[in-house]
Amino acid sequence: MTRRFPVLLAVLHPTTRLALWLLMLLSVQFFDGWLLALAFLVLPVLGRAVLHRGGRLVWRARWLLSSLFVIFSWGVVGQPVWDGVGAPSFEGLADAATHLGRLLLVLMAVAALLETMPVADLLTASRGLLAPFRRVGLNGERGVVRLMLALRYVETLPRPRDWRQLLDAPAVEAEELIVVDEFPLRRADYLALLAASLSAIAFFCARCAG
C-alpha cells in the first residue's frame, strides 16, 4: 500500500495535488483528541521515504518543538501535575500535545510534498493556482521558484561543524533548466477537488457545531 501511494497521486494534476495539500494543512489545524491520534496512525501509508524525510525535518525543528512544549506546559494556567514549585499544568500538557501534534503533521505533510512532487510538477501546480492572480498583474512564480530552490539547497547542504563552514559552502548553480509541462485538469481532478471541498466543509461545520 505504501508503494501505491505515489502512484495514486500521480494520476491527479499537480495543481490538484497542491490544492489538496493546502486544504489538508488547513484541516490539520483543527485536529485534536482522537482525530489527531488517528492521523498519526495512518502516517505509515505515506511510505518509508516520506517518513525518513519527515524524521529529518522533525530533528531539525527539535529546538522549536522543545520550546513550544515548555511554553504551553508551563505557560497555561490550570491544575498542577504535582504539588510544588515548577509543576506544569494538566491543561498546559494537553495544549502542548495538541499543538505539537499538529506541527508534527505539518512537517510530515511538507516531507510528503517534497518527496512526491518534483520541482517541475510543483511549478506546474503553482502556475495553476496563481493563474487568477496574473489577471490583476500579480506574478508570484519567481518567488515560488526561488523558494523551492532555496529549500532544496538547504536540505541537501551538509551539516557544518561550525559557522565558518557556511562561508565555505559551495555556491548554488547560477542556471538550472526546469521543464514545466502545461496540460489541463481532467475529470478525475474536478471530482477530487469537489469531494475534498465538500468533505472539508462538512468537517469545518461539524467542528464549529461541536
N, C-alpha and C. Protein backbone atom coordinates (compact mmCIF):
# COMPACT_ATOMS: atom_id res chain seq x y z
N MET A 1 0.82 -1.21 0.00
CA MET A 1 0.00 0.00 0.00
C MET A 1 0.85 1.26 0.00
N THR A 2 1.99 1.20 0.70
CA THR A 2 2.86 2.37 0.75
C THR A 2 3.46 2.66 -0.62
N ARG A 3 3.68 1.62 -1.43
CA ARG A 3 4.23 1.86 -2.76
C ARG A 3 3.18 2.44 -3.71
N ARG A 4 1.92 2.15 -3.45
CA ARG A 4 0.87 2.63 -4.34
C ARG A 4 0.52 4.09 -4.08
N PHE A 5 0.92 4.62 -2.92
CA PHE A 5 0.54 5.99 -2.59
C PHE A 5 1.04 7.01 -3.61
N PRO A 6 2.34 7.03 -3.97
CA PRO A 6 2.77 7.98 -5.01
C PRO A 6 2.11 7.74 -6.34
N VAL A 7 1.80 6.47 -6.66
CA VAL A 7 1.16 6.17 -7.94
C VAL A 7 -0.23 6.77 -7.99
N LEU A 8 -0.97 6.68 -6.89
CA LEU A 8 -2.31 7.25 -6.86
C LEU A 8 -2.26 8.77 -7.00
N LEU A 9 -1.24 9.40 -6.39
CA LEU A 9 -1.12 10.85 -6.52
C LEU A 9 -0.75 11.25 -7.94
N ALA A 10 0.04 10.43 -8.62
CA ALA A 10 0.48 10.77 -9.97
C ALA A 10 -0.68 10.82 -10.95
N VAL A 11 -1.81 10.20 -10.63
CA VAL A 11 -2.97 10.23 -11.51
C VAL A 11 -3.55 11.64 -11.58
N LEU A 12 -3.43 12.40 -10.50
CA LEU A 12 -4.03 13.72 -10.43
C LEU A 12 -3.07 14.78 -10.99
N HIS A 13 -3.65 15.87 -11.44
CA HIS A 13 -2.90 17.01 -11.94
C HIS A 13 -2.09 17.62 -10.78
N PRO A 14 -0.88 18.12 -11.04
CA PRO A 14 -0.10 18.74 -9.96
C PRO A 14 -0.83 19.87 -9.25
N THR A 15 -1.62 20.65 -9.99
CA THR A 15 -2.39 21.72 -9.35
C THR A 15 -3.41 21.14 -8.38
N THR A 16 -4.04 20.05 -8.76
CA THR A 16 -4.99 19.40 -7.86
C THR A 16 -4.30 18.87 -6.62
N ARG A 17 -3.15 18.26 -6.79
CA ARG A 17 -2.41 17.72 -5.66
C ARG A 17 -1.97 18.81 -4.70
N LEU A 18 -1.53 19.94 -5.24
CA LEU A 18 -1.11 21.05 -4.38
C LEU A 18 -2.31 21.66 -3.65
N ALA A 19 -3.44 21.78 -4.35
CA ALA A 19 -4.65 22.31 -3.71
C ALA A 19 -5.12 21.38 -2.59
N LEU A 20 -5.08 20.08 -2.82
CA LEU A 20 -5.46 19.13 -1.78
C LEU A 20 -4.50 19.19 -0.60
N TRP A 21 -3.22 19.40 -0.90
CA TRP A 21 -2.22 19.51 0.17
C TRP A 21 -2.48 20.75 1.03
N LEU A 22 -2.76 21.87 0.39
CA LEU A 22 -3.06 23.10 1.14
C LEU A 22 -4.34 22.94 1.96
N LEU A 23 -5.32 22.28 1.40
CA LEU A 23 -6.57 22.06 2.12
C LEU A 23 -6.34 21.14 3.32
N MET A 24 -5.45 20.17 3.16
CA MET A 24 -5.14 19.29 4.28
C MET A 24 -4.41 20.04 5.38
N LEU A 25 -3.48 20.93 5.01
CA LEU A 25 -2.78 21.73 6.01
C LEU A 25 -3.76 22.58 6.81
N LEU A 26 -4.74 23.14 6.13
CA LEU A 26 -5.75 23.94 6.82
C LEU A 26 -6.59 23.08 7.76
N SER A 27 -6.91 21.87 7.33
CA SER A 27 -7.73 20.99 8.16
C SER A 27 -6.97 20.50 9.39
N VAL A 28 -5.67 20.30 9.24
CA VAL A 28 -4.86 19.79 10.36
C VAL A 28 -4.92 20.74 11.55
N GLN A 29 -5.08 22.03 11.30
CA GLN A 29 -5.11 22.99 12.40
C GLN A 29 -6.33 22.83 13.30
N PHE A 30 -7.28 22.02 12.89
CA PHE A 30 -8.48 21.77 13.69
C PHE A 30 -8.48 20.36 14.30
N PHE A 31 -7.39 19.62 14.12
CA PHE A 31 -7.30 18.27 14.66
C PHE A 31 -7.02 18.33 16.16
N ASP A 32 -7.65 17.47 16.92
CA ASP A 32 -7.34 17.31 18.33
C ASP A 32 -7.90 15.97 18.80
N GLY A 33 -7.47 15.56 19.97
CA GLY A 33 -8.01 14.35 20.57
C GLY A 33 -7.82 13.11 19.71
N TRP A 34 -8.90 12.35 19.58
CA TRP A 34 -8.84 11.07 18.87
C TRP A 34 -8.55 11.26 17.39
N LEU A 35 -9.00 12.38 16.82
CA LEU A 35 -8.75 12.62 15.40
C LEU A 35 -7.26 12.85 15.15
N LEU A 36 -6.61 13.55 16.06
CA LEU A 36 -5.17 13.78 15.93
C LEU A 36 -4.40 12.47 16.08
N ALA A 37 -4.82 11.65 17.03
CA ALA A 37 -4.16 10.35 17.21
C ALA A 37 -4.37 9.45 15.99
N LEU A 38 -5.56 9.50 15.40
CA LEU A 38 -5.84 8.70 14.21
C LEU A 38 -4.98 9.12 13.04
N ALA A 39 -4.71 10.42 12.93
CA ALA A 39 -3.86 10.91 11.84
C ALA A 39 -2.46 10.33 11.94
N PHE A 40 -1.94 10.17 13.16
CA PHE A 40 -0.61 9.58 13.32
C PHE A 40 -0.61 8.09 13.00
N LEU A 41 -1.73 7.44 13.22
CA LEU A 41 -1.80 6.00 12.94
C LEU A 41 -1.76 5.71 11.45
N VAL A 42 -2.20 6.65 10.62
CA VAL A 42 -2.21 6.43 9.17
C VAL A 42 -0.95 6.95 8.49
N LEU A 43 -0.02 7.52 9.25
CA LEU A 43 1.21 8.04 8.64
C LEU A 43 2.02 6.97 7.90
N PRO A 44 2.07 5.71 8.38
CA PRO A 44 2.82 4.70 7.62
C PRO A 44 2.37 4.53 6.18
N VAL A 45 1.14 4.95 5.86
CA VAL A 45 0.67 4.85 4.47
C VAL A 45 1.52 5.72 3.54
N LEU A 46 2.15 6.75 4.07
CA LEU A 46 2.95 7.65 3.25
C LEU A 46 4.19 6.97 2.70
N GLY A 47 4.65 5.93 3.34
CA GLY A 47 5.82 5.22 2.84
C GLY A 47 7.08 5.55 3.63
N ARG A 48 8.06 4.67 3.50
CA ARG A 48 9.29 4.81 4.28
C ARG A 48 10.09 6.05 3.89
N ALA A 49 10.12 6.38 2.61
CA ALA A 49 10.90 7.54 2.17
C ALA A 49 10.35 8.83 2.77
N VAL A 50 9.02 8.97 2.76
CA VAL A 50 8.41 10.17 3.34
C VAL A 50 8.65 10.23 4.84
N LEU A 51 8.51 9.11 5.51
CA LEU A 51 8.73 9.09 6.96
C LEU A 51 10.18 9.41 7.29
N HIS A 52 11.10 8.94 6.48
CA HIS A 52 12.52 9.23 6.72
C HIS A 52 12.80 10.71 6.54
N ARG A 53 12.28 11.28 5.46
CA ARG A 53 12.48 12.71 5.23
C ARG A 53 11.79 13.54 6.32
N GLY A 54 10.58 13.11 6.71
CA GLY A 54 9.89 13.81 7.78
C GLY A 54 10.63 13.73 9.09
N GLY A 55 11.27 12.59 9.36
CA GLY A 55 12.07 12.47 10.58
C GLY A 55 13.23 13.45 10.59
N ARG A 56 13.84 13.68 9.43
CA ARG A 56 14.92 14.66 9.36
C ARG A 56 14.40 16.07 9.62
N LEU A 57 13.23 16.38 9.09
CA LEU A 57 12.65 17.70 9.33
C LEU A 57 12.30 17.89 10.81
N VAL A 58 11.77 16.84 11.43
CA VAL A 58 11.44 16.92 12.85
C VAL A 58 12.71 17.12 13.68
N TRP A 59 13.78 16.42 13.33
CA TRP A 59 15.02 16.56 14.08
C TRP A 59 15.58 17.97 13.95
N ARG A 60 15.48 18.54 12.77
CA ARG A 60 15.98 19.90 12.59
C ARG A 60 15.13 20.94 13.32
N ALA A 61 13.88 20.60 13.57
CA ALA A 61 12.99 21.52 14.29
C ALA A 61 12.86 21.15 15.77
N ARG A 62 13.79 20.35 16.28
CA ARG A 62 13.66 19.85 17.65
C ARG A 62 13.67 20.97 18.69
N TRP A 63 14.47 22.01 18.46
CA TRP A 63 14.53 23.09 19.44
C TRP A 63 13.25 23.90 19.43
N LEU A 64 12.66 24.09 18.28
CA LEU A 64 11.37 24.77 18.20
C LEU A 64 10.30 23.94 18.90
N LEU A 65 10.30 22.64 18.66
CA LEU A 65 9.32 21.77 19.31
C LEU A 65 9.50 21.76 20.83
N SER A 66 10.76 21.73 21.26
CA SER A 66 11.02 21.75 22.70
C SER A 66 10.56 23.05 23.33
N SER A 67 10.81 24.16 22.64
CA SER A 67 10.40 25.47 23.17
C SER A 67 8.88 25.56 23.27
N LEU A 68 8.18 25.09 22.25
CA LEU A 68 6.72 25.12 22.30
C LEU A 68 6.17 24.25 23.41
N PHE A 69 6.82 23.09 23.65
CA PHE A 69 6.37 22.23 24.73
C PHE A 69 6.51 22.93 26.08
N VAL A 70 7.63 23.61 26.30
CA VAL A 70 7.84 24.32 27.57
C VAL A 70 6.85 25.47 27.71
N ILE A 71 6.64 26.22 26.63
CA ILE A 71 5.75 27.38 26.70
C ILE A 71 4.32 26.97 27.04
N PHE A 72 3.83 25.93 26.38
CA PHE A 72 2.45 25.51 26.64
C PHE A 72 2.32 24.79 27.98
N SER A 73 3.28 23.93 28.30
CA SER A 73 3.16 23.12 29.52
C SER A 73 3.24 23.97 30.77
N TRP A 74 4.13 24.95 30.78
CA TRP A 74 4.30 25.78 31.97
C TRP A 74 3.68 27.17 31.82
N GLY A 75 3.13 27.49 30.68
CA GLY A 75 2.57 28.82 30.48
C GLY A 75 1.06 28.87 30.55
N VAL A 76 0.39 27.71 30.55
CA VAL A 76 -1.07 27.67 30.62
C VAL A 76 -1.49 27.42 32.06
N VAL A 77 -2.35 28.27 32.55
CA VAL A 77 -2.82 28.15 33.94
C VAL A 77 -3.82 27.00 34.03
N GLY A 78 -3.68 26.22 35.10
CA GLY A 78 -4.59 25.10 35.31
C GLY A 78 -4.20 24.28 36.52
N GLN A 79 -4.70 23.06 36.56
CA GLN A 79 -4.42 22.15 37.67
C GLN A 79 -2.99 21.64 37.57
N PRO A 80 -2.14 21.85 38.60
CA PRO A 80 -0.75 21.39 38.51
C PRO A 80 -0.66 19.87 38.51
N VAL A 81 0.35 19.36 37.82
CA VAL A 81 0.55 17.91 37.74
C VAL A 81 0.97 17.35 39.09
N TRP A 82 1.77 18.08 39.82
CA TRP A 82 2.17 17.69 41.17
C TRP A 82 2.22 18.94 42.05
N ASP A 83 2.17 18.73 43.34
CA ASP A 83 2.24 19.82 44.29
C ASP A 83 3.69 20.25 44.46
N GLY A 84 3.93 21.53 44.29
CA GLY A 84 5.28 22.04 44.43
C GLY A 84 5.61 23.05 43.35
N VAL A 85 6.80 23.62 43.49
CA VAL A 85 7.23 24.65 42.56
C VAL A 85 7.67 24.00 41.24
N GLY A 86 7.37 24.66 40.16
CA GLY A 86 7.82 24.20 38.85
C GLY A 86 7.00 23.11 38.23
N ALA A 87 5.76 22.93 38.71
CA ALA A 87 4.91 21.89 38.15
C ALA A 87 4.13 22.42 36.95
N PRO A 88 4.14 21.71 35.84
CA PRO A 88 3.29 22.11 34.71
C PRO A 88 1.83 21.78 35.02
N SER A 89 0.95 22.32 34.23
CA SER A 89 -0.48 22.07 34.43
C SER A 89 -0.97 20.99 33.48
N PHE A 90 -2.02 20.29 33.89
CA PHE A 90 -2.62 19.29 33.01
C PHE A 90 -3.15 19.94 31.73
N GLU A 91 -3.76 21.11 31.89
CA GLU A 91 -4.28 21.82 30.72
C GLU A 91 -3.14 22.23 29.78
N GLY A 92 -2.00 22.65 30.38
CA GLY A 92 -0.85 23.01 29.54
C GLY A 92 -0.28 21.84 28.79
N LEU A 93 -0.20 20.69 29.45
CA LEU A 93 0.29 19.49 28.77
C LEU A 93 -0.64 19.06 27.65
N ALA A 94 -1.95 19.21 27.89
CA ALA A 94 -2.91 18.86 26.84
C ALA A 94 -2.78 19.79 25.64
N ASP A 95 -2.64 21.10 25.92
CA ASP A 95 -2.45 22.05 24.81
C ASP A 95 -1.13 21.80 24.09
N ALA A 96 -0.08 21.47 24.84
CA ALA A 96 1.22 21.19 24.22
C ALA A 96 1.13 19.98 23.30
N ALA A 97 0.46 18.92 23.76
CA ALA A 97 0.32 17.72 22.95
C ALA A 97 -0.46 18.01 21.67
N THR A 98 -1.50 18.84 21.78
CA THR A 98 -2.32 19.16 20.60
C THR A 98 -1.53 19.97 19.59
N HIS A 99 -0.89 21.04 20.04
CA HIS A 99 -0.18 21.93 19.11
C HIS A 99 1.07 21.25 18.54
N LEU A 100 1.78 20.49 19.36
CA LEU A 100 2.94 19.78 18.84
C LEU A 100 2.52 18.70 17.86
N GLY A 101 1.42 18.03 18.15
CA GLY A 101 0.92 17.03 17.21
C GLY A 101 0.56 17.64 15.87
N ARG A 102 -0.07 18.80 15.89
CA ARG A 102 -0.41 19.47 14.63
C ARG A 102 0.84 19.88 13.87
N LEU A 103 1.84 20.39 14.59
CA LEU A 103 3.07 20.81 13.93
C LEU A 103 3.82 19.62 13.35
N LEU A 104 3.82 18.50 14.05
CA LEU A 104 4.45 17.29 13.51
C LEU A 104 3.76 16.82 12.24
N LEU A 105 2.44 16.90 12.21
CA LEU A 105 1.71 16.52 11.00
C LEU A 105 2.04 17.46 9.85
N VAL A 106 2.20 18.74 10.14
CA VAL A 106 2.58 19.70 9.10
C VAL A 106 3.95 19.36 8.54
N LEU A 107 4.89 19.03 9.41
CA LEU A 107 6.23 18.66 8.94
C LEU A 107 6.18 17.40 8.09
N MET A 108 5.36 16.44 8.48
CA MET A 108 5.23 15.23 7.67
C MET A 108 4.57 15.54 6.33
N ALA A 109 3.63 16.48 6.33
CA ALA A 109 2.99 16.88 5.07
C ALA A 109 4.00 17.56 4.14
N VAL A 110 4.87 18.39 4.71
CA VAL A 110 5.92 19.02 3.90
C VAL A 110 6.86 17.97 3.33
N ALA A 111 7.20 16.97 4.15
CA ALA A 111 8.06 15.89 3.67
C ALA A 111 7.39 15.13 2.54
N ALA A 112 6.09 14.87 2.66
CA ALA A 112 5.37 14.17 1.60
C ALA A 112 5.34 14.98 0.32
N LEU A 113 5.18 16.30 0.44
CA LEU A 113 5.17 17.15 -0.75
C LEU A 113 6.52 17.14 -1.44
N LEU A 114 7.59 17.29 -0.67
CA LEU A 114 8.93 17.32 -1.25
C LEU A 114 9.33 15.97 -1.84
N GLU A 115 8.82 14.89 -1.26
CA GLU A 115 9.21 13.55 -1.71
C GLU A 115 8.44 13.12 -2.95
N THR A 116 7.19 13.55 -3.08
CA THR A 116 6.33 13.05 -4.15
C THR A 116 6.15 14.03 -5.31
N MET A 117 6.58 15.28 -5.13
CA MET A 117 6.40 16.27 -6.20
C MET A 117 7.74 16.84 -6.61
N PRO A 118 8.21 16.52 -7.82
CA PRO A 118 9.42 17.16 -8.33
C PRO A 118 9.21 18.66 -8.49
N VAL A 119 10.33 19.36 -8.67
CA VAL A 119 10.26 20.81 -8.81
C VAL A 119 9.41 21.20 -10.01
N ALA A 120 9.54 20.46 -11.12
CA ALA A 120 8.76 20.79 -12.32
C ALA A 120 7.27 20.67 -12.05
N ASP A 121 6.85 19.60 -11.34
CA ASP A 121 5.43 19.45 -11.02
C ASP A 121 4.95 20.54 -10.08
N LEU A 122 5.80 20.92 -9.14
CA LEU A 122 5.41 21.97 -8.20
C LEU A 122 5.25 23.32 -8.91
N LEU A 123 6.11 23.57 -9.88
CA LEU A 123 5.98 24.81 -10.65
C LEU A 123 4.71 24.79 -11.49
N THR A 124 4.39 23.62 -12.06
CA THR A 124 3.13 23.50 -12.81
C THR A 124 1.94 23.75 -11.90
N ALA A 125 1.99 23.18 -10.70
CA ALA A 125 0.90 23.38 -9.75
C ALA A 125 0.79 24.83 -9.31
N SER A 126 1.93 25.46 -9.09
CA SER A 126 1.92 26.87 -8.66
C SER A 126 1.37 27.77 -9.75
N ARG A 127 1.73 27.47 -11.00
CA ARG A 127 1.19 28.26 -12.11
C ARG A 127 -0.32 28.13 -12.17
N GLY A 128 -0.82 26.92 -11.94
CA GLY A 128 -2.27 26.74 -11.97
C GLY A 128 -2.99 27.47 -10.86
N LEU A 129 -2.42 27.43 -9.64
CA LEU A 129 -3.06 28.11 -8.52
C LEU A 129 -2.94 29.63 -8.60
N LEU A 130 -1.84 30.10 -9.19
CA LEU A 130 -1.61 31.55 -9.27
C LEU A 130 -2.17 32.16 -10.55
N ALA A 131 -2.76 31.34 -11.41
CA ALA A 131 -3.29 31.86 -12.67
C ALA A 131 -4.30 32.99 -12.48
N PRO A 132 -5.25 32.89 -11.53
CA PRO A 132 -6.20 34.01 -11.36
C PRO A 132 -5.54 35.32 -10.96
N PHE A 133 -4.40 35.26 -10.25
CA PHE A 133 -3.74 36.49 -9.81
C PHE A 133 -3.02 37.19 -10.96
N ARG A 134 -2.66 36.43 -11.99
CA ARG A 134 -1.99 37.06 -13.13
C ARG A 134 -2.92 38.00 -13.88
N ARG A 135 -4.21 37.80 -13.72
CA ARG A 135 -5.17 38.68 -14.41
C ARG A 135 -5.18 40.08 -13.82
N VAL A 136 -4.72 40.22 -12.57
CA VAL A 136 -4.68 41.55 -11.93
C VAL A 136 -3.25 42.07 -11.86
N GLY A 137 -2.33 41.46 -12.61
CA GLY A 137 -0.97 41.97 -12.70
C GLY A 137 -0.01 41.42 -11.68
N LEU A 138 -0.41 40.42 -10.90
CA LEU A 138 0.48 39.83 -9.89
C LEU A 138 1.09 38.55 -10.43
N ASN A 139 2.39 38.41 -10.25
CA ASN A 139 3.10 37.23 -10.73
C ASN A 139 4.00 36.71 -9.61
N GLY A 140 3.55 35.64 -8.97
CA GLY A 140 4.33 35.08 -7.87
C GLY A 140 5.16 33.88 -8.24
N GLU A 141 5.29 33.60 -9.54
CA GLU A 141 6.01 32.40 -9.96
C GLU A 141 7.50 32.50 -9.64
N ARG A 142 8.08 33.69 -9.77
CA ARG A 142 9.50 33.82 -9.46
C ARG A 142 9.77 33.53 -7.99
N GLY A 143 8.88 34.03 -7.14
CA GLY A 143 9.05 33.77 -5.72
C GLY A 143 8.94 32.29 -5.39
N VAL A 144 8.03 31.59 -6.08
CA VAL A 144 7.88 30.15 -5.84
C VAL A 144 9.13 29.41 -6.29
N VAL A 145 9.68 29.78 -7.45
CA VAL A 145 10.89 29.13 -7.94
C VAL A 145 12.04 29.33 -6.97
N ARG A 146 12.24 30.57 -6.52
CA ARG A 146 13.34 30.84 -5.61
C ARG A 146 13.16 30.13 -4.28
N LEU A 147 11.93 30.06 -3.81
CA LEU A 147 11.66 29.36 -2.55
C LEU A 147 11.99 27.88 -2.67
N MET A 148 11.57 27.24 -3.74
CA MET A 148 11.82 25.82 -3.91
C MET A 148 13.32 25.53 -4.07
N LEU A 149 14.01 26.35 -4.83
CA LEU A 149 15.45 26.14 -4.98
C LEU A 149 16.17 26.35 -3.66
N ALA A 150 15.73 27.33 -2.87
CA ALA A 150 16.34 27.55 -1.56
C ALA A 150 16.08 26.39 -0.62
N LEU A 151 14.85 25.86 -0.62
CA LEU A 151 14.53 24.72 0.23
C LEU A 151 15.35 23.49 -0.15
N ARG A 152 15.49 23.26 -1.45
CA ARG A 152 16.26 22.10 -1.90
C ARG A 152 17.74 22.26 -1.56
N TYR A 153 18.24 23.51 -1.66
CA TYR A 153 19.66 23.75 -1.34
C TYR A 153 19.91 23.56 0.15
N VAL A 154 19.02 24.08 0.99
CA VAL A 154 19.19 23.95 2.43
C VAL A 154 19.09 22.49 2.85
N GLU A 155 18.19 21.75 2.20
CA GLU A 155 18.00 20.35 2.58
C GLU A 155 19.20 19.49 2.20
N THR A 156 19.84 19.80 1.09
CA THR A 156 20.98 19.00 0.64
C THR A 156 22.31 19.52 1.17
N LEU A 157 22.32 20.66 1.85
CA LEU A 157 23.56 21.21 2.38
C LEU A 157 24.05 20.36 3.54
N PRO A 158 25.30 19.89 3.51
CA PRO A 158 25.81 19.10 4.63
C PRO A 158 25.82 19.92 5.92
N ARG A 159 25.58 19.25 7.03
CA ARG A 159 25.57 19.94 8.31
C ARG A 159 26.98 20.38 8.68
N PRO A 160 27.20 21.69 8.85
CA PRO A 160 28.55 22.17 9.15
C PRO A 160 28.91 21.92 10.62
N ARG A 161 30.22 21.76 10.85
CA ARG A 161 30.68 21.59 12.22
C ARG A 161 30.69 22.91 12.97
N ASP A 162 30.87 24.02 12.28
CA ASP A 162 30.80 25.34 12.90
C ASP A 162 30.38 26.34 11.83
N TRP A 163 30.18 27.60 12.24
CA TRP A 163 29.63 28.61 11.34
C TRP A 163 30.60 28.98 10.22
N ARG A 164 31.91 28.73 10.40
CA ARG A 164 32.86 29.09 9.35
C ARG A 164 32.65 28.27 8.08
N GLN A 165 32.19 27.02 8.26
CA GLN A 165 31.99 26.18 7.08
C GLN A 165 30.84 26.67 6.21
N LEU A 166 29.91 27.43 6.81
CA LEU A 166 28.84 28.01 6.00
C LEU A 166 29.39 29.00 4.98
N LEU A 167 30.48 29.71 5.36
CA LEU A 167 31.08 30.67 4.44
C LEU A 167 31.80 29.98 3.30
N ASP A 168 32.22 28.74 3.54
CA ASP A 168 32.93 27.99 2.50
C ASP A 168 32.02 27.05 1.73
N ALA A 169 30.70 27.16 1.96
CA ALA A 169 29.76 26.26 1.29
C ALA A 169 29.79 26.52 -0.20
N PRO A 170 29.64 25.50 -1.02
CA PRO A 170 29.67 25.70 -2.48
C PRO A 170 28.51 26.56 -2.93
N ALA A 171 28.78 27.37 -3.92
CA ALA A 171 27.75 28.27 -4.44
C ALA A 171 26.70 27.49 -5.20
N VAL A 172 25.48 28.03 -5.20
CA VAL A 172 24.40 27.41 -5.94
C VAL A 172 24.61 27.64 -7.42
N GLU A 173 24.22 26.66 -8.21
CA GLU A 173 24.35 26.81 -9.66
C GLU A 173 23.61 28.05 -10.14
N ALA A 174 24.27 28.82 -10.98
CA ALA A 174 23.68 30.07 -11.44
C ALA A 174 22.48 29.83 -12.35
N GLU A 175 22.56 28.75 -13.14
CA GLU A 175 21.48 28.46 -14.07
C GLU A 175 21.04 27.02 -13.90
N GLU A 176 19.76 26.79 -14.01
CA GLU A 176 19.21 25.44 -13.93
C GLU A 176 18.00 25.37 -14.84
N LEU A 177 17.98 24.39 -15.70
CA LEU A 177 16.90 24.22 -16.66
C LEU A 177 15.83 23.32 -16.05
N ILE A 178 14.62 23.84 -15.94
CA ILE A 178 13.49 23.09 -15.41
C ILE A 178 12.39 23.11 -16.46
N VAL A 179 11.98 21.93 -16.92
CA VAL A 179 10.94 21.82 -17.93
C VAL A 179 9.60 21.72 -17.21
N VAL A 180 8.71 22.65 -17.52
CA VAL A 180 7.39 22.71 -16.90
C VAL A 180 6.35 22.32 -17.95
N ASP A 181 5.63 21.26 -17.68
CA ASP A 181 4.58 20.80 -18.60
C ASP A 181 3.28 21.53 -18.30
N GLU A 182 2.57 21.88 -19.36
CA GLU A 182 1.28 22.54 -19.24
C GLU A 182 0.21 21.63 -19.85
N PHE A 183 -0.73 21.20 -19.02
CA PHE A 183 -1.84 20.39 -19.52
C PHE A 183 -3.05 20.65 -18.63
N PRO A 184 -4.24 20.57 -19.19
CA PRO A 184 -5.45 20.94 -18.44
C PRO A 184 -5.83 19.89 -17.41
N LEU A 185 -6.69 20.30 -16.49
CA LEU A 185 -7.23 19.39 -15.49
C LEU A 185 -8.20 18.42 -16.17
N ARG A 186 -8.27 17.21 -15.62
CA ARG A 186 -9.16 16.20 -16.16
C ARG A 186 -10.35 15.99 -15.23
N ARG A 187 -11.23 15.09 -15.64
CA ARG A 187 -12.44 14.85 -14.86
C ARG A 187 -12.10 14.35 -13.45
N ALA A 188 -11.08 13.51 -13.34
CA ALA A 188 -10.68 13.00 -12.03
C ALA A 188 -10.24 14.12 -11.11
N ASP A 189 -9.61 15.16 -11.68
CA ASP A 189 -9.17 16.29 -10.86
C ASP A 189 -10.37 17.06 -10.30
N TYR A 190 -11.34 17.32 -11.15
CA TYR A 190 -12.52 18.05 -10.68
C TYR A 190 -13.30 17.24 -9.64
N LEU A 191 -13.38 15.93 -9.85
CA LEU A 191 -14.07 15.09 -8.87
C LEU A 191 -13.33 15.07 -7.54
N ALA A 192 -12.00 15.01 -7.60
CA ALA A 192 -11.21 15.01 -6.37
C ALA A 192 -11.33 16.34 -5.63
N LEU A 193 -11.29 17.44 -6.36
CA LEU A 193 -11.43 18.76 -5.73
C LEU A 193 -12.83 18.94 -5.14
N LEU A 194 -13.85 18.47 -5.86
CA LEU A 194 -15.21 18.58 -5.36
C LEU A 194 -15.40 17.75 -4.09
N ALA A 195 -14.90 16.52 -4.12
CA ALA A 195 -15.04 15.65 -2.95
C ALA A 195 -14.27 16.20 -1.76
N ALA A 196 -13.07 16.71 -2.01
CA ALA A 196 -12.28 17.26 -0.91
C ALA A 196 -12.92 18.53 -0.35
N SER A 197 -13.47 19.37 -1.22
CA SER A 197 -14.11 20.60 -0.76
C SER A 197 -15.36 20.29 0.07
N LEU A 198 -16.18 19.37 -0.40
CA LEU A 198 -17.38 19.01 0.36
C LEU A 198 -17.01 18.37 1.71
N SER A 199 -15.96 17.53 1.70
CA SER A 199 -15.53 16.91 2.94
C SER A 199 -14.99 17.96 3.92
N ALA A 200 -14.25 18.94 3.40
CA ALA A 200 -13.71 19.98 4.26
C ALA A 200 -14.83 20.85 4.84
N ILE A 201 -15.83 21.18 4.01
CA ILE A 201 -16.95 21.98 4.52
C ILE A 201 -17.70 21.23 5.60
N ALA A 202 -17.94 19.93 5.36
CA ALA A 202 -18.63 19.13 6.37
C ALA A 202 -17.82 19.02 7.65
N PHE A 203 -16.51 18.89 7.49
CA PHE A 203 -15.64 18.79 8.66
C PHE A 203 -15.64 20.08 9.47
N PHE A 204 -15.51 21.23 8.79
CA PHE A 204 -15.49 22.50 9.48
C PHE A 204 -16.84 22.79 10.15
N CYS A 205 -17.93 22.44 9.49
CA CYS A 205 -19.25 22.63 10.08
C CYS A 205 -19.42 21.76 11.33
N ALA A 206 -18.91 20.53 11.27
CA ALA A 206 -19.01 19.64 12.43
C ALA A 206 -18.18 20.17 13.59
N ARG A 207 -16.99 20.71 13.27
CA ARG A 207 -16.14 21.26 14.32
C ARG A 207 -16.76 22.49 14.96
N CYS A 208 -17.36 23.34 14.12
CA CYS A 208 -17.99 24.55 14.66
C CYS A 208 -19.23 24.20 15.50
N ALA A 209 -19.98 23.19 15.05
CA ALA A 209 -21.18 22.79 15.78
C ALA A 209 -20.81 22.10 17.10
N GLY A 210 -19.67 21.41 17.10
CA GLY A 210 -19.26 20.72 18.31
C GLY A 210 -18.63 21.64 19.33
